[in-house]
Amino acid sequence: MTDLRTEPPLDRPYYGAPLSAAVRRFFRKYATFSGRASRSEYWWWFLASVVITGVLQLPAVATGAIEMQSNGTYTVVGGPGLIFAVLYVVWGLGTIIPSLALLVRRLHDTDHSGFWVFIALVPLIGAIVLFVFTVLGPRPGGERFDR
């Protein structure tokens, strides 16, 4: 089924965004911390990111290029999957800033300041609070974060 809706400008949230639009907007708004992001923009990107990370990480671990230690850390030891390990690191470094920007814009849509990202520094509780905020629907007060 073809979606005939027009995509809103980049400075507005795209409610009901399909996967392709969410990924496209993620990269176009690479380091944009102002404005808002809809739930669909956020969660489609989250899914795409998890899949891509898994695709890069699984071969590296399966071939022994990365070993997971008992304390949960990873050690790069080499092997045929080393290229996947390198791509995994490059991917992580290349998406950390836009992922934070997207999270801040998602918080704005729920009428919360971007400074709430720092709640993630509180073990366990911080992640739960951020999860709850990201699943909340948009609030009219979030419009104050639009330019």
N, C-alpha and C. Protein backbone atom coordinates (compact mmCIF):
# COMPACT_ATOMS: atom_id res chain seq x y z
N MET A 1 0.85 -1.18 0.00
CA MET A 1 0.00 0.00 0.00
C MET A 1 0.89 1.24 0.00
N THR A 2 0.60 2.15 -0.85
CA THR A 2 1.38 3.38 -0.97
C THR A 2 0.86 4.42 0.00
N ASP A 3 1.78 5.06 0.71
CA ASP A 3 1.42 6.11 1.64
C ASP A 3 1.43 7.44 0.90
N LEU A 4 0.28 8.08 0.80
CA LEU A 4 0.15 9.32 0.05
C LEU A 4 0.36 10.56 0.91
N ARG A 5 0.62 10.37 2.20
CA ARG A 5 0.87 11.52 3.07
C ARG A 5 2.17 12.20 2.65
N THR A 6 2.18 13.49 2.82
CA THR A 6 3.43 14.21 2.54
C THR A 6 4.23 14.29 3.82
N GLU A 7 5.53 14.16 3.66
CA GLU A 7 6.42 14.20 4.81
C GLU A 7 6.52 15.64 5.31
N PRO A 8 6.36 15.86 6.62
CA PRO A 8 6.47 17.22 7.15
C PRO A 8 7.90 17.74 7.06
N PRO A 9 8.08 19.04 7.18
CA PRO A 9 9.45 19.59 7.16
C PRO A 9 10.28 18.98 8.29
N LEU A 10 11.59 19.04 8.14
CA LEU A 10 12.49 18.43 9.11
C LEU A 10 12.39 19.05 10.50
N ASP A 11 11.91 20.27 10.60
CA ASP A 11 11.81 20.89 11.92
C ASP A 11 10.52 20.54 12.64
N ARG A 12 9.72 19.65 12.07
CA ARG A 12 8.48 19.18 12.69
C ARG A 12 8.53 17.66 12.86
N PRO A 13 7.86 17.13 13.89
CA PRO A 13 7.84 15.67 14.04
C PRO A 13 6.99 15.02 12.95
N TYR A 14 7.34 13.81 12.58
CA TYR A 14 6.61 13.07 11.55
C TYR A 14 5.86 11.94 12.25
N TYR A 15 4.61 12.22 12.61
CA TYR A 15 3.79 11.22 13.28
C TYR A 15 3.36 10.16 12.27
N GLY A 16 3.52 8.90 12.64
CA GLY A 16 3.20 7.80 11.74
C GLY A 16 4.24 7.59 10.67
N ALA A 17 5.47 8.00 10.93
CA ALA A 17 6.55 7.87 9.93
C ALA A 17 6.83 6.40 9.64
N PRO A 18 6.99 6.05 8.36
CA PRO A 18 7.41 4.69 8.03
C PRO A 18 8.91 4.53 8.30
N LEU A 19 9.37 3.29 8.29
CA LEU A 19 10.77 2.98 8.58
C LEU A 19 11.73 3.78 7.71
N SER A 20 11.49 3.80 6.42
CA SER A 20 12.42 4.49 5.51
C SER A 20 12.52 5.98 5.83
N ALA A 21 11.39 6.61 6.12
CA ALA A 21 11.41 8.04 6.45
C ALA A 21 12.10 8.28 7.79
N ALA A 22 11.89 7.39 8.75
CA ALA A 22 12.53 7.55 10.06
C ALA A 22 14.05 7.47 9.94
N VAL A 23 14.54 6.53 9.15
CA VAL A 23 16.00 6.39 8.96
C VAL A 23 16.55 7.59 8.20
N ARG A 24 15.84 8.01 7.17
CA ARG A 24 16.27 9.16 6.38
C ARG A 24 16.34 10.42 7.24
N ARG A 25 15.32 10.65 8.05
CA ARG A 25 15.29 11.83 8.92
C ARG A 25 16.35 11.74 10.00
N PHE A 26 16.66 10.54 10.47
CA PHE A 26 17.72 10.36 11.47
C PHE A 26 19.04 10.91 10.95
N PHE A 27 19.39 10.55 9.72
CA PHE A 27 20.67 11.00 9.17
C PHE A 27 20.63 12.46 8.72
N ARG A 28 19.50 12.94 8.26
CA ARG A 28 19.41 14.34 7.84
C ARG A 28 19.46 15.29 9.04
N LYS A 29 19.01 14.82 10.18
CA LYS A 29 19.03 15.64 11.40
C LYS A 29 20.14 15.15 12.32
N TYR A 30 21.29 14.87 11.73
CA TYR A 30 22.41 14.19 12.39
C TYR A 30 22.73 14.72 13.78
N ALA A 31 22.89 16.00 13.94
CA ALA A 31 23.26 16.58 15.24
C ALA A 31 22.29 17.70 15.64
N THR A 32 21.03 17.54 15.27
CA THR A 32 20.01 18.53 15.59
C THR A 32 19.34 18.16 16.90
N PHE A 33 19.64 18.92 17.94
CA PHE A 33 19.09 18.65 19.26
C PHE A 33 17.82 19.46 19.53
N SER A 34 17.50 20.39 18.65
CA SER A 34 16.29 21.20 18.83
C SER A 34 15.14 20.56 18.06
N GLY A 35 13.94 20.93 18.42
CA GLY A 35 12.77 20.38 17.74
C GLY A 35 12.26 19.13 18.44
N ARG A 36 11.42 18.39 17.72
CA ARG A 36 10.78 17.21 18.31
C ARG A 36 10.87 16.02 17.36
N ALA A 37 10.73 14.82 17.91
CA ALA A 37 10.68 13.59 17.11
C ALA A 37 9.50 12.75 17.59
N SER A 38 8.77 12.20 16.66
CA SER A 38 7.60 11.39 17.01
C SER A 38 8.03 10.02 17.53
N ARG A 39 7.06 9.32 18.12
CA ARG A 39 7.35 7.96 18.58
C ARG A 39 7.79 7.07 17.43
N SER A 40 7.11 7.20 16.29
CA SER A 40 7.47 6.33 15.16
C SER A 40 8.87 6.63 14.65
N GLU A 41 9.25 7.90 14.61
CA GLU A 41 10.62 8.24 14.20
C GLU A 41 11.63 7.59 15.15
N TYR A 42 11.36 7.69 16.43
CA TYR A 42 12.29 7.17 17.43
C TYR A 42 12.35 5.65 17.41
N TRP A 43 11.20 5.01 17.48
CA TRP A 43 11.20 3.55 17.61
C TRP A 43 11.57 2.85 16.31
N TRP A 44 11.26 3.38 15.14
CA TRP A 44 11.74 2.77 13.89
C TRP A 44 13.26 2.83 13.84
N TRP A 45 13.82 3.99 14.22
CA TRP A 45 15.28 4.07 14.22
C TRP A 45 15.87 3.11 15.24
N PHE A 46 15.27 2.99 16.40
CA PHE A 46 15.76 2.07 17.43
C PHE A 46 15.81 0.65 16.88
N LEU A 47 14.74 0.23 16.21
CA LEU A 47 14.71 -1.11 15.61
C LEU A 47 15.80 -1.27 14.56
N ALA A 48 15.92 -0.31 13.66
CA ALA A 48 16.94 -0.38 12.61
C ALA A 48 18.33 -0.45 13.21
N SER A 49 18.57 0.33 14.24
CA SER A 49 19.87 0.36 14.90
C SER A 49 20.20 -0.98 15.56
N VAL A 50 19.23 -1.57 16.22
CA VAL A 50 19.44 -2.88 16.86
C VAL A 50 19.75 -3.94 15.82
N VAL A 51 19.03 -3.93 14.71
CA VAL A 51 19.27 -4.92 13.65
C VAL A 51 20.67 -4.74 13.05
N ILE A 52 21.03 -3.51 12.73
CA ILE A 52 22.34 -3.26 12.13
C ILE A 52 23.46 -3.61 13.10
N THR A 53 23.29 -3.25 14.36
CA THR A 53 24.29 -3.59 15.37
C THR A 53 24.44 -5.10 15.49
N GLY A 54 23.34 -5.82 15.50
CA GLY A 54 23.39 -7.28 15.57
C GLY A 54 24.07 -7.89 14.36
N VAL A 55 23.77 -7.36 13.18
CA VAL A 55 24.38 -7.87 11.95
C VAL A 55 25.89 -7.67 11.98
N LEU A 56 26.36 -6.58 12.55
CA LEU A 56 27.80 -6.32 12.63
C LEU A 56 28.46 -7.07 13.78
N GLN A 57 27.75 -7.21 14.89
CA GLN A 57 28.34 -7.82 16.07
C GLN A 57 28.35 -9.34 16.01
N LEU A 58 27.31 -9.94 15.50
CA LEU A 58 27.20 -11.40 15.50
C LEU A 58 28.35 -12.10 14.78
N PRO A 59 28.70 -11.71 13.56
CA PRO A 59 29.84 -12.38 12.90
C PRO A 59 31.16 -12.16 13.64
N ALA A 60 31.33 -11.00 14.22
CA ALA A 60 32.57 -10.72 14.95
C ALA A 60 32.69 -11.63 16.17
N VAL A 61 31.60 -11.84 16.87
CA VAL A 61 31.62 -12.72 18.04
C VAL A 61 31.69 -14.18 17.60
N ALA A 62 30.93 -14.55 16.57
CA ALA A 62 30.89 -15.95 16.12
C ALA A 62 32.23 -16.43 15.58
N THR A 63 33.01 -15.55 14.98
CA THR A 63 34.31 -15.96 14.42
C THR A 63 35.45 -15.78 15.41
N GLY A 64 35.15 -15.30 16.59
CA GLY A 64 36.18 -15.15 17.60
C GLY A 64 36.95 -13.86 17.54
N ALA A 65 36.55 -12.93 16.69
CA ALA A 65 37.25 -11.64 16.62
C ALA A 65 37.00 -10.82 17.88
N ILE A 66 35.84 -11.03 18.48
CA ILE A 66 35.50 -10.37 19.74
C ILE A 66 35.10 -11.46 20.73
N GLU A 67 35.67 -11.40 21.91
CA GLU A 67 35.29 -12.34 22.97
C GLU A 67 34.61 -11.57 24.09
N MET A 68 33.50 -12.13 24.56
CA MET A 68 32.82 -11.50 25.68
C MET A 68 33.38 -12.10 26.97
N GLN A 69 33.81 -11.24 27.86
CA GLN A 69 34.38 -11.67 29.13
C GLN A 69 33.26 -11.93 30.14
N SER A 70 33.59 -12.59 31.23
CA SER A 70 32.60 -12.92 32.25
C SER A 70 32.03 -11.67 32.93
N ASN A 71 32.76 -10.56 32.89
CA ASN A 71 32.26 -9.33 33.51
C ASN A 71 31.43 -8.49 32.55
N GLY A 72 31.16 -9.01 31.35
CA GLY A 72 30.32 -8.32 30.39
C GLY A 72 31.05 -7.42 29.42
N THR A 73 32.36 -7.32 29.54
CA THR A 73 33.13 -6.50 28.61
C THR A 73 33.55 -7.33 27.41
N TYR A 74 33.94 -6.64 26.34
CA TYR A 74 34.37 -7.30 25.12
C TYR A 74 35.87 -7.08 24.93
N THR A 75 36.53 -8.08 24.38
CA THR A 75 37.95 -7.98 24.04
C THR A 75 38.11 -8.33 22.57
N VAL A 76 38.80 -7.47 21.83
CA VAL A 76 39.08 -7.74 20.42
C VAL A 76 40.36 -8.56 20.35
N VAL A 77 40.26 -9.77 19.77
CA VAL A 77 41.42 -10.66 19.71
C VAL A 77 41.89 -10.95 18.29
N GLY A 78 41.18 -10.50 17.30
CA GLY A 78 41.56 -10.73 15.91
C GLY A 78 40.78 -11.88 15.31
N GLY A 79 41.23 -12.35 14.18
CA GLY A 79 40.53 -13.43 13.49
C GLY A 79 39.82 -12.92 12.26
N PRO A 80 39.16 -13.84 11.55
CA PRO A 80 38.52 -13.46 10.29
C PRO A 80 37.36 -12.47 10.45
N GLY A 81 36.78 -12.39 11.60
CA GLY A 81 35.67 -11.47 11.80
C GLY A 81 36.10 -10.09 12.25
N LEU A 82 37.41 -9.84 12.21
CA LEU A 82 37.92 -8.56 12.69
C LEU A 82 37.32 -7.38 11.91
N ILE A 83 37.07 -7.57 10.63
CA ILE A 83 36.49 -6.49 9.83
C ILE A 83 35.11 -6.10 10.38
N PHE A 84 34.35 -7.11 10.84
CA PHE A 84 33.04 -6.82 11.43
C PHE A 84 33.19 -6.08 12.75
N ALA A 85 34.22 -6.45 13.50
CA ALA A 85 34.48 -5.75 14.76
C ALA A 85 34.81 -4.29 14.50
N VAL A 86 35.63 -4.04 13.50
CA VAL A 86 35.98 -2.66 13.15
C VAL A 86 34.74 -1.91 12.67
N LEU A 87 33.94 -2.52 11.81
CA LEU A 87 32.71 -1.88 11.34
C LEU A 87 31.75 -1.60 12.49
N TYR A 88 31.70 -2.52 13.43
CA TYR A 88 30.84 -2.36 14.61
C TYR A 88 31.26 -1.12 15.41
N VAL A 89 32.55 -0.95 15.62
CA VAL A 89 33.05 0.21 16.36
C VAL A 89 32.80 1.50 15.57
N VAL A 90 33.05 1.48 14.27
CA VAL A 90 32.82 2.66 13.44
C VAL A 90 31.34 3.02 13.45
N TRP A 91 30.48 2.02 13.34
CA TRP A 91 29.03 2.25 13.38
C TRP A 91 28.63 2.89 14.71
N GLY A 92 29.13 2.35 15.81
CA GLY A 92 28.79 2.88 17.12
C GLY A 92 29.24 4.33 17.29
N LEU A 93 30.46 4.61 16.87
CA LEU A 93 30.98 5.98 16.98
C LEU A 93 30.24 6.93 16.05
N GLY A 94 29.86 6.44 14.88
CA GLY A 94 29.18 7.29 13.90
C GLY A 94 27.73 7.59 14.23
N THR A 95 27.12 6.80 15.09
CA THR A 95 25.70 7.00 15.39
C THR A 95 25.42 7.46 16.82
N ILE A 96 26.44 7.62 17.63
CA ILE A 96 26.18 8.01 19.02
C ILE A 96 25.61 9.43 19.14
N ILE A 97 26.17 10.38 18.42
CA ILE A 97 25.68 11.76 18.49
C ILE A 97 24.26 11.87 17.92
N PRO A 98 24.00 11.35 16.71
CA PRO A 98 22.62 11.46 16.22
C PRO A 98 21.61 10.68 17.06
N SER A 99 22.04 9.59 17.68
CA SER A 99 21.13 8.84 18.56
C SER A 99 20.77 9.66 19.79
N LEU A 100 21.75 10.34 20.35
CA LEU A 100 21.47 11.24 21.49
C LEU A 100 20.57 12.39 21.05
N ALA A 101 20.83 12.94 19.87
CA ALA A 101 20.00 14.03 19.35
C ALA A 101 18.56 13.56 19.17
N LEU A 102 18.38 12.37 18.63
CA LEU A 102 17.03 11.83 18.44
C LEU A 102 16.34 11.62 19.78
N LEU A 103 17.06 11.11 20.76
CA LEU A 103 16.48 10.92 22.09
C LEU A 103 16.06 12.26 22.70
N VAL A 104 16.88 13.28 22.56
CA VAL A 104 16.53 14.61 23.07
C VAL A 104 15.28 15.13 22.37
N ARG A 105 15.21 14.97 21.05
CA ARG A 105 14.02 15.44 20.32
C ARG A 105 12.78 14.65 20.74
N ARG A 106 12.95 13.36 21.02
CA ARG A 106 11.82 12.54 21.49
C ARG A 106 11.35 13.04 22.85
N LEU A 107 12.29 13.36 23.74
CA LEU A 107 11.92 13.92 25.04
C LEU A 107 11.18 15.24 24.87
N HIS A 108 11.61 16.06 23.93
CA HIS A 108 10.93 17.33 23.67
C HIS A 108 9.48 17.10 23.27
N ASP A 109 9.22 16.06 22.46
CA ASP A 109 7.86 15.79 22.01
C ASP A 109 6.95 15.42 23.18
N THR A 110 7.54 14.88 24.24
CA THR A 110 6.76 14.53 25.43
C THR A 110 6.79 15.66 26.47
N ASP A 111 7.26 16.84 26.03
CA ASP A 111 7.32 18.05 26.87
C ASP A 111 8.30 17.90 28.04
N HIS A 112 9.42 17.24 27.77
CA HIS A 112 10.49 17.12 28.77
C HIS A 112 11.76 17.74 28.20
N SER A 113 12.52 18.34 29.07
CA SER A 113 13.79 18.93 28.66
C SER A 113 14.77 17.84 28.22
N GLY A 114 15.65 18.20 27.30
CA GLY A 114 16.67 17.26 26.85
C GLY A 114 17.63 16.86 27.95
N PHE A 115 17.70 17.65 29.01
CA PHE A 115 18.60 17.32 30.12
C PHE A 115 18.18 16.03 30.84
N TRP A 116 16.97 15.55 30.57
CA TRP A 116 16.54 14.28 31.15
C TRP A 116 17.39 13.11 30.66
N VAL A 117 18.16 13.28 29.59
CA VAL A 117 19.03 12.17 29.15
C VAL A 117 20.02 11.80 30.24
N PHE A 118 20.36 12.74 31.10
CA PHE A 118 21.33 12.46 32.16
C PHE A 118 20.77 11.53 33.23
N ILE A 119 19.46 11.31 33.24
CA ILE A 119 18.88 10.36 34.19
C ILE A 119 19.39 8.95 33.89
N ALA A 120 19.88 8.74 32.67
CA ALA A 120 20.43 7.43 32.30
C ALA A 120 21.67 7.10 33.13
N LEU A 121 22.28 8.08 33.75
CA LEU A 121 23.45 7.84 34.59
C LEU A 121 23.08 7.18 35.92
N VAL A 122 21.79 7.20 36.26
CA VAL A 122 21.32 6.52 37.47
C VAL A 122 21.06 5.06 37.11
N PRO A 123 21.79 4.14 37.70
CA PRO A 123 21.64 2.72 37.34
C PRO A 123 20.19 2.24 37.46
N LEU A 124 19.76 1.47 36.48
CA LEU A 124 18.45 0.83 36.38
C LEU A 124 17.29 1.81 36.32
N ILE A 125 17.13 2.63 37.33
CA ILE A 125 16.00 3.57 37.37
C ILE A 125 16.05 4.53 36.19
N GLY A 126 17.24 5.00 35.85
CA GLY A 126 17.39 5.95 34.75
C GLY A 126 16.91 5.39 33.44
N ALA A 127 17.27 4.14 33.15
CA ALA A 127 16.84 3.50 31.90
C ALA A 127 15.33 3.32 31.88
N ILE A 128 14.75 2.98 33.01
CA ILE A 128 13.30 2.79 33.08
C ILE A 128 12.58 4.12 32.84
N VAL A 129 13.06 5.18 33.46
CA VAL A 129 12.45 6.50 33.29
C VAL A 129 12.52 6.93 31.82
N LEU A 130 13.69 6.77 31.20
CA LEU A 130 13.82 7.15 29.78
C LEU A 130 12.91 6.30 28.90
N PHE A 131 12.81 5.02 29.19
CA PHE A 131 11.92 4.15 28.41
C PHE A 131 10.48 4.66 28.50
N VAL A 132 10.04 4.96 29.70
CA VAL A 132 8.67 5.46 29.89
C VAL A 132 8.46 6.75 29.11
N PHE A 133 9.42 7.67 29.20
CA PHE A 133 9.30 8.93 28.48
C PHE A 133 9.23 8.72 26.97
N THR A 134 9.99 7.75 26.44
CA THR A 134 10.00 7.56 24.98
C THR A 134 8.73 6.89 24.47
N VAL A 135 8.00 6.19 25.33
CA VAL A 135 6.76 5.57 24.86
C VAL A 135 5.55 6.47 25.07
N LEU A 136 5.72 7.55 25.81
CA LEU A 136 4.61 8.49 26.00
C LEU A 136 4.22 9.13 24.67
N GLY A 137 2.96 9.47 24.57
CA GLY A 137 2.49 10.18 23.38
C GLY A 137 2.92 11.64 23.41
N PRO A 138 2.70 12.33 22.30
CA PRO A 138 3.08 13.75 22.25
C PRO A 138 2.22 14.58 23.20
N ARG A 139 2.81 15.62 23.71
CA ARG A 139 2.08 16.56 24.57
C ARG A 139 2.10 17.93 23.91
N PRO A 140 0.99 18.65 23.99
CA PRO A 140 0.94 19.98 23.37
C PRO A 140 2.05 20.91 23.86
N GLY A 141 2.44 20.77 25.12
CA GLY A 141 3.50 21.62 25.66
C GLY A 141 4.84 21.42 24.97
N GLY A 142 5.00 20.31 24.26
CA GLY A 142 6.24 20.03 23.55
C GLY A 142 6.50 20.99 22.41
N GLU A 143 5.46 21.68 21.98
CA GLU A 143 5.62 22.64 20.88
C GLU A 143 6.57 23.78 21.26
N ARG A 144 6.79 23.97 22.55
CA ARG A 144 7.70 25.04 22.98
C ARG A 144 9.13 24.77 22.53
N PHE A 145 9.44 23.52 22.16
CA PHE A 145 10.78 23.18 21.71
C PHE A 145 10.96 23.37 20.20
N ASP A 146 9.86 23.70 19.50
CA ASP A 146 9.98 23.99 18.08
C ASP A 146 10.63 25.36 17.92
N ARG A 147 11.28 25.55 16.80
CA ARG A 147 11.97 26.83 16.58
C ARG A 147 10.99 27.95 16.38
